[in-house]
Amino acid sequence: MNDNKIEQQSVDKNEDKNGDNTLTVDHKVFDPTKKENVTITLKLGGTANVDAPKPDDTYTITIPGGAYSISEENGLNQPEGHSERTENPDGSVTYKETFNQSEAHTFNYVLSPLTIDNLADNSLPKITYGNTTKIVKVTKSTKENPVAQDFLQVQFKQHLAAKLTPSFNRVTPNSDQSTKLGVKQDYTYEVSVEQADGILSGAFRGFDPLVTNSGTITITVPQKFKLNKAVTDQQNVNRGVKITQTGDKIAITYNNSQKTFLEIN
């Protein structure tokens, strides 16, 4: 078998083998709400160093970015060789493993759910919601054949589901003080938005910046309810919202705002 080619197997798998070399991922689905790490294991060479790397052999593994941080365990150190990490513009991470001597070796690459500390890092890749397929690829090059060849490949799925929870309450006069609505009178309603990003526990006050930087909520009101736009705009100065009414629809366009007041008469 030519060890410079991926075995002709389905790409839809979490284990691949090329001779005595294997690439595995221990979860078929990554869901950060479960607070579980995913480990990708690259095992090069078997018992008695069968198919073991040789001096000047180089392997690269590229892991797509996602709602996780990526770290390496058991990288190469001198004199056996050296490991090099590269963060790519598309958010993926590539590890280059170069051997100085012939020996079997096992690498672990750990994907950990993002934390609050990660959110302050502006270099985070864009988060894609829904179910996305992440394909992990390994290439190999040798002193005799320096052009990298496809070697191993596995995949897993990332599952992310955001949840938006708006609330709409009358605050002036509040519902306990006045159970009936009169005519030619202003009523103030408070609109709050919380969004759970499907990554961290709890919810973000306003639109979660991991999910979106803006959003629009549309409220249907009785036909004779009219937005007092001047008072509404005054109450929402510096809140980063735009509020308009067309017919029986009031549209609130947010820019990471937390609380909005509507003055309706």
Protein backbone atom coordinates (compact mmCIF):
# COMPACT_ATOMS: atom_id res chain seq x y z
CA MET A 1 0.00 0.00 0.00
CA ASN A 2 1.21 3.52 -0.85
CA ASP A 3 1.43 5.35 2.49
CA ASN A 4 1.24 8.71 0.72
CA LYS A 5 -2.41 8.24 -0.12
CA ILE A 6 -5.53 8.25 1.96
CA GLU A 7 -7.18 4.84 1.97
CA GLN A 8 -10.30 4.82 -0.20
CA GLN A 9 -12.86 4.95 2.56
CA SER A 10 -15.88 7.14 3.24
CA VAL A 11 -15.01 10.64 4.40
CA ASP A 12 -17.95 10.41 6.83
CA LYS A 13 -16.03 8.71 9.64
CA ASN A 14 -14.21 9.47 12.85
CA GLU A 15 -11.31 7.09 12.25
CA ASP A 16 -8.91 6.63 9.36
CA LYS A 17 -5.99 4.25 8.87
CA ASN A 18 -2.98 4.20 6.59
CA GLY A 19 -0.78 1.17 7.24
CA ASP A 20 -0.01 1.24 10.98
CA ASN A 21 -0.82 4.95 11.16
CA THR A 22 -4.20 6.06 12.50
CA LEU A 23 -6.15 9.28 12.95
CA THR A 24 -9.16 9.26 15.28
CA VAL A 25 -11.56 11.77 16.85
CA ASP A 26 -13.26 10.60 20.03
CA HIS A 27 -16.60 12.42 19.52
CA LYS A 28 -18.76 12.31 16.42
CA VAL A 29 -20.51 15.51 17.56
CA PHE A 30 -19.03 18.51 19.38
CA ASP A 31 -21.65 20.32 21.47
CA PRO A 32 -20.09 22.98 23.75
CA THR A 33 -23.10 23.00 26.09
CA LYS A 34 -22.06 19.51 27.23
CA LYS A 35 -18.76 20.98 28.52
CA GLU A 36 -16.76 18.08 27.08
CA ASN A 37 -13.41 18.24 25.31
CA VAL A 38 -12.91 16.54 21.97
CA THR A 39 -9.58 14.80 21.42
CA ILE A 40 -8.07 14.11 18.01
CA THR A 41 -5.33 11.45 18.14
CA LEU A 42 -2.66 10.99 15.47
CA LYS A 43 -0.75 7.73 15.98
CA LEU A 44 2.27 7.29 13.76
CA GLY A 45 3.86 3.83 13.68
CA GLY A 46 2.78 0.59 15.31
CA THR A 47 4.45 -2.08 17.40
CA ALA A 48 8.17 -2.61 16.74
CA ASN A 49 8.13 0.81 15.01
CA VAL A 50 6.36 -0.59 11.94
CA ASP A 51 5.55 2.33 9.62
CA ALA A 52 7.26 4.68 12.07
CA PRO A 53 8.33 8.13 10.86
CA LYS A 54 11.90 8.49 9.59
CA PRO A 55 14.36 11.38 9.90
CA ASP A 56 13.20 14.45 7.94
CA ASP A 57 9.64 13.09 7.64
CA THR A 58 7.12 15.90 8.16
CA TYR A 59 3.44 15.54 8.99
CA THR A 60 0.96 18.40 9.08
CA ILE A 61 -2.48 18.25 10.65
CA THR A 62 -4.99 21.01 9.96
CA ILE A 63 -7.96 21.40 12.31
CA PRO A 64 -10.81 23.74 11.32
CA GLY A 65 -11.74 26.54 13.68
CA GLY A 66 -14.98 26.46 15.64
CA ALA A 67 -16.55 27.15 19.02
CA TYR A 68 -13.48 25.71 20.72
CA SER A 69 -9.85 26.44 21.48
CA ILE A 70 -7.20 24.06 20.08
CA SER A 71 -4.15 22.83 21.95
CA GLU A 72 -1.56 20.09 21.45
CA GLU A 73 -0.48 17.44 23.91
CA ASN A 74 2.66 15.34 23.50
CA GLY A 75 4.28 17.39 20.76
CA LEU A 76 7.82 16.75 19.53
CA ASN A 77 10.82 18.01 21.47
CA GLN A 78 14.53 17.80 20.75
CA PRO A 79 16.27 15.52 19.99
CA GLU A 80 13.32 13.60 18.53
CA GLY A 81 12.11 16.55 16.43
CA HIS A 82 10.05 19.70 16.73
CA SER A 83 6.43 20.84 16.53
CA GLU A 84 5.28 24.13 15.00
CA ARG A 85 1.82 25.72 15.32
CA THR A 86 0.33 28.07 12.70
CA GLU A 87 -2.96 29.94 13.07
CA ASN A 88 -4.44 30.37 9.61
CA PRO A 89 -6.54 33.32 8.32
CA ASP A 90 -9.64 31.11 8.00
CA GLY A 91 -9.56 30.28 11.72
CA SER A 92 -8.07 26.81 11.31
CA VAL A 93 -4.90 25.71 13.09
CA THR A 94 -2.07 23.71 11.49
CA TYR A 95 0.53 21.73 13.45
CA LYS A 96 3.72 20.79 11.60
CA GLU A 97 5.49 17.79 13.11
CA THR A 98 9.06 17.24 11.86
CA PHE A 99 11.05 14.18 12.96
CA ASN A 100 14.80 14.01 13.51
CA GLN A 101 14.93 10.28 14.20
CA SER A 102 13.02 7.06 13.51
CA GLU A 103 10.44 6.35 16.17
CA ALA A 104 6.73 5.80 16.64
CA HIS A 105 4.87 8.71 18.20
CA THR A 106 1.31 9.59 19.28
CA PHE A 107 0.00 13.17 19.24
CA ASN A 108 -3.16 14.44 20.91
CA TYR A 109 -4.94 17.61 19.84
CA VAL A 110 -7.56 18.82 22.31
CA LEU A 111 -10.59 20.93 21.39
CA SER A 112 -11.99 22.70 24.46
CA PRO A 113 -15.30 24.66 24.57
CA LEU A 114 -14.84 28.42 24.57
CA THR A 115 -14.85 30.23 27.90
CA ILE A 116 -15.49 33.80 29.04
CA ASP A 117 -11.74 34.48 28.67
CA ASN A 118 -11.88 33.42 25.02
CA LEU A 119 -14.62 35.95 24.26
CA ALA A 120 -12.26 38.86 24.88
CA ASP A 121 -9.99 37.57 22.11
CA ASN A 122 -10.78 39.48 18.91
CA SER A 123 -8.93 36.86 16.84
CA LEU A 124 -11.66 34.26 17.42
CA PRO A 125 -13.00 32.77 14.20
CA LYS A 126 -16.55 33.59 13.14
CA ILE A 127 -18.96 31.17 14.79
CA THR A 128 -21.26 29.26 12.43
CA TYR A 129 -24.58 28.15 13.89
CA GLY A 130 -26.49 24.97 13.14
CA ASN A 131 -24.79 21.68 12.29
CA THR A 132 -21.48 22.07 10.49
CA THR A 133 -19.02 19.42 9.37
CA LYS A 134 -15.40 19.82 10.46
CA ILE A 135 -12.84 17.91 8.34
CA VAL A 136 -9.40 17.23 9.84
CA LYS A 137 -6.64 16.51 7.32
CA VAL A 138 -3.12 15.11 7.71
CA THR A 139 -0.43 15.35 5.03
CA LYS A 140 3.01 13.76 4.84
CA SER A 141 6.25 14.73 3.13
CA THR A 142 9.66 13.05 3.16
CA LYS A 143 13.23 13.94 2.27
CA GLU A 144 12.87 11.90 -0.93
CA ASN A 145 9.42 13.30 -1.72
CA PRO A 146 9.22 16.86 -0.30
CA VAL A 147 5.82 17.63 -1.83
CA ALA A 148 3.14 17.08 0.85
CA GLN A 149 0.73 14.25 0.06
CA ASP A 150 -2.70 13.56 1.57
CA PHE A 151 -2.25 10.95 4.27
CA LEU A 152 -5.18 10.69 6.71
CA GLN A 153 -8.56 12.36 7.12
CA VAL A 154 -11.44 12.27 9.61
CA GLN A 155 -14.43 14.44 10.40
CA PHE A 156 -16.84 15.37 13.16
CA LYS A 157 -19.87 17.63 13.43
CA GLN A 158 -20.25 20.80 15.47
CA HIS A 159 -23.72 21.48 16.84
CA LEU A 160 -24.59 25.03 17.93
CA ALA A 161 -28.08 26.34 18.67
CA ALA A 162 -28.70 29.90 19.85
CA LYS A 163 -31.91 30.85 21.67
CA LEU A 164 -33.42 34.34 21.63
CA THR A 165 -35.85 35.26 24.46
CA PRO A 166 -37.55 38.68 24.19
CA SER A 167 -39.96 39.98 26.84
CA PHE A 168 -42.58 42.76 26.58
CA ASN A 169 -44.07 44.38 29.70
CA ARG A 170 -46.01 47.53 30.50
CA VAL A 171 -44.21 49.62 33.12
CA THR A 172 -45.99 53.01 33.18
CA PRO A 173 -48.62 52.67 34.44
CA ASN A 174 -47.85 49.07 35.23
CA SER A 175 -50.41 46.31 34.76
CA ASP A 176 -51.16 46.12 38.50
CA GLN A 177 -51.97 49.83 38.72
CA SER A 178 -54.11 49.94 35.60
CA THR A 179 -55.81 46.88 34.18
CA LYS A 180 -57.70 48.80 31.49
CA LEU A 181 -56.29 50.96 28.75
CA GLY A 182 -57.73 54.42 28.11
CA VAL A 183 -57.72 56.61 25.02
CA LYS A 184 -55.39 59.58 24.40
CA GLN A 185 -53.01 58.39 27.08
CA ASP A 186 -49.38 57.33 26.79
CA TYR A 187 -48.31 53.91 28.04
CA THR A 188 -44.68 52.90 28.40
CA TYR A 189 -43.66 49.35 27.57
CA GLU A 190 -40.29 47.79 28.30
CA VAL A 191 -38.79 45.39 25.79
CA SER A 192 -35.88 43.22 26.94
CA VAL A 193 -33.85 40.75 24.94
CA GLU A 194 -31.76 37.84 26.20
CA GLN A 195 -29.85 35.51 23.94
CA ALA A 196 -28.20 32.23 24.88
CA ASP A 197 -25.37 31.58 22.44
CA GLY A 198 -25.32 27.80 22.83
CA ILE A 199 -21.71 27.93 23.98
CA LEU A 200 -21.57 29.49 27.43
CA SER A 201 -24.05 28.82 30.21
CA GLY A 202 -26.63 31.52 30.89
CA ALA A 203 -27.80 34.23 28.52
CA PHE A 204 -26.42 37.53 27.24
CA ARG A 205 -28.41 40.71 27.98
CA GLY A 206 -29.16 41.86 24.47
CA PHE A 207 -27.97 40.20 21.30
CA ASP A 208 -24.98 37.98 22.01
CA PRO A 209 -21.96 39.26 20.01
CA LEU A 210 -20.95 35.66 19.27
CA VAL A 211 -24.23 35.15 17.43
CA THR A 212 -24.90 38.49 15.78
CA ASN A 213 -24.08 42.17 16.15
CA SER A 214 -27.63 43.27 15.47
CA GLY A 215 -31.17 42.07 15.06
CA THR A 216 -34.76 43.19 14.59
CA ILE A 217 -37.79 42.34 16.70
CA THR A 218 -41.25 43.07 15.29
CA ILE A 219 -44.21 43.60 17.62
CA THR A 220 -47.80 43.51 16.40
CA VAL A 221 -50.00 46.03 18.24
CA PRO A 222 -53.76 46.76 18.12
CA GLN A 223 -54.74 48.89 15.15
CA LYS A 224 -55.32 52.09 17.14
CA PHE A 225 -52.04 51.88 19.08
CA LYS A 226 -49.72 54.62 17.83
CA LEU A 227 -46.05 54.93 18.64
CA ASN A 228 -45.09 58.23 20.26
CA LYS A 229 -41.82 58.31 18.39
CA ALA A 230 -40.46 61.55 19.86
CA VAL A 231 -40.80 60.37 23.47
CA THR A 232 -39.69 56.84 22.58
CA ASP A 233 -36.52 58.09 20.90
CA GLN A 234 -35.77 60.34 23.86
CA GLN A 235 -36.10 57.45 26.31
CA ASN A 236 -33.76 55.30 24.24
CA VAL A 237 -30.92 57.75 23.60
CA ASN A 238 -27.57 55.93 23.42
CA ARG A 239 -29.24 52.51 23.55
CA GLY A 240 -28.28 51.69 19.97
CA VAL A 241 -31.81 51.01 18.73
CA LYS A 242 -33.96 52.30 15.90
CA ILE A 243 -37.73 52.10 16.42
CA THR A 244 -40.33 52.62 13.72
CA GLN A 245 -44.01 51.83 13.16
CA THR A 246 -45.69 50.78 9.95
CA GLY A 247 -49.39 50.02 10.31
CA ASP A 248 -49.84 47.62 13.20
CA LYS A 249 -46.15 46.63 13.27
CA ILE A 250 -43.52 48.20 15.50
CA ALA A 251 -39.99 47.25 14.45
CA ILE A 252 -37.07 47.51 16.88
CA THR A 253 -33.65 47.20 15.27
CA TYR A 254 -30.94 46.50 17.86
CA ASN A 255 -27.21 46.95 17.97
CA ASN A 256 -26.34 44.83 21.03
CA SER A 257 -28.83 46.73 23.18
CA GLN A 258 -30.24 45.41 26.42
CA LYS A 259 -33.48 47.21 27.23
CA THR A 260 -35.81 49.33 25.09
CA PHE A 261 -38.74 51.55 26.09
CA LEU A 262 -41.74 52.08 23.84
CA GLU A 263 -44.13 54.99 24.40
CA ILE A 264 -47.48 54.05 22.91
CA ASN A 265 -50.73 56.02 22.94
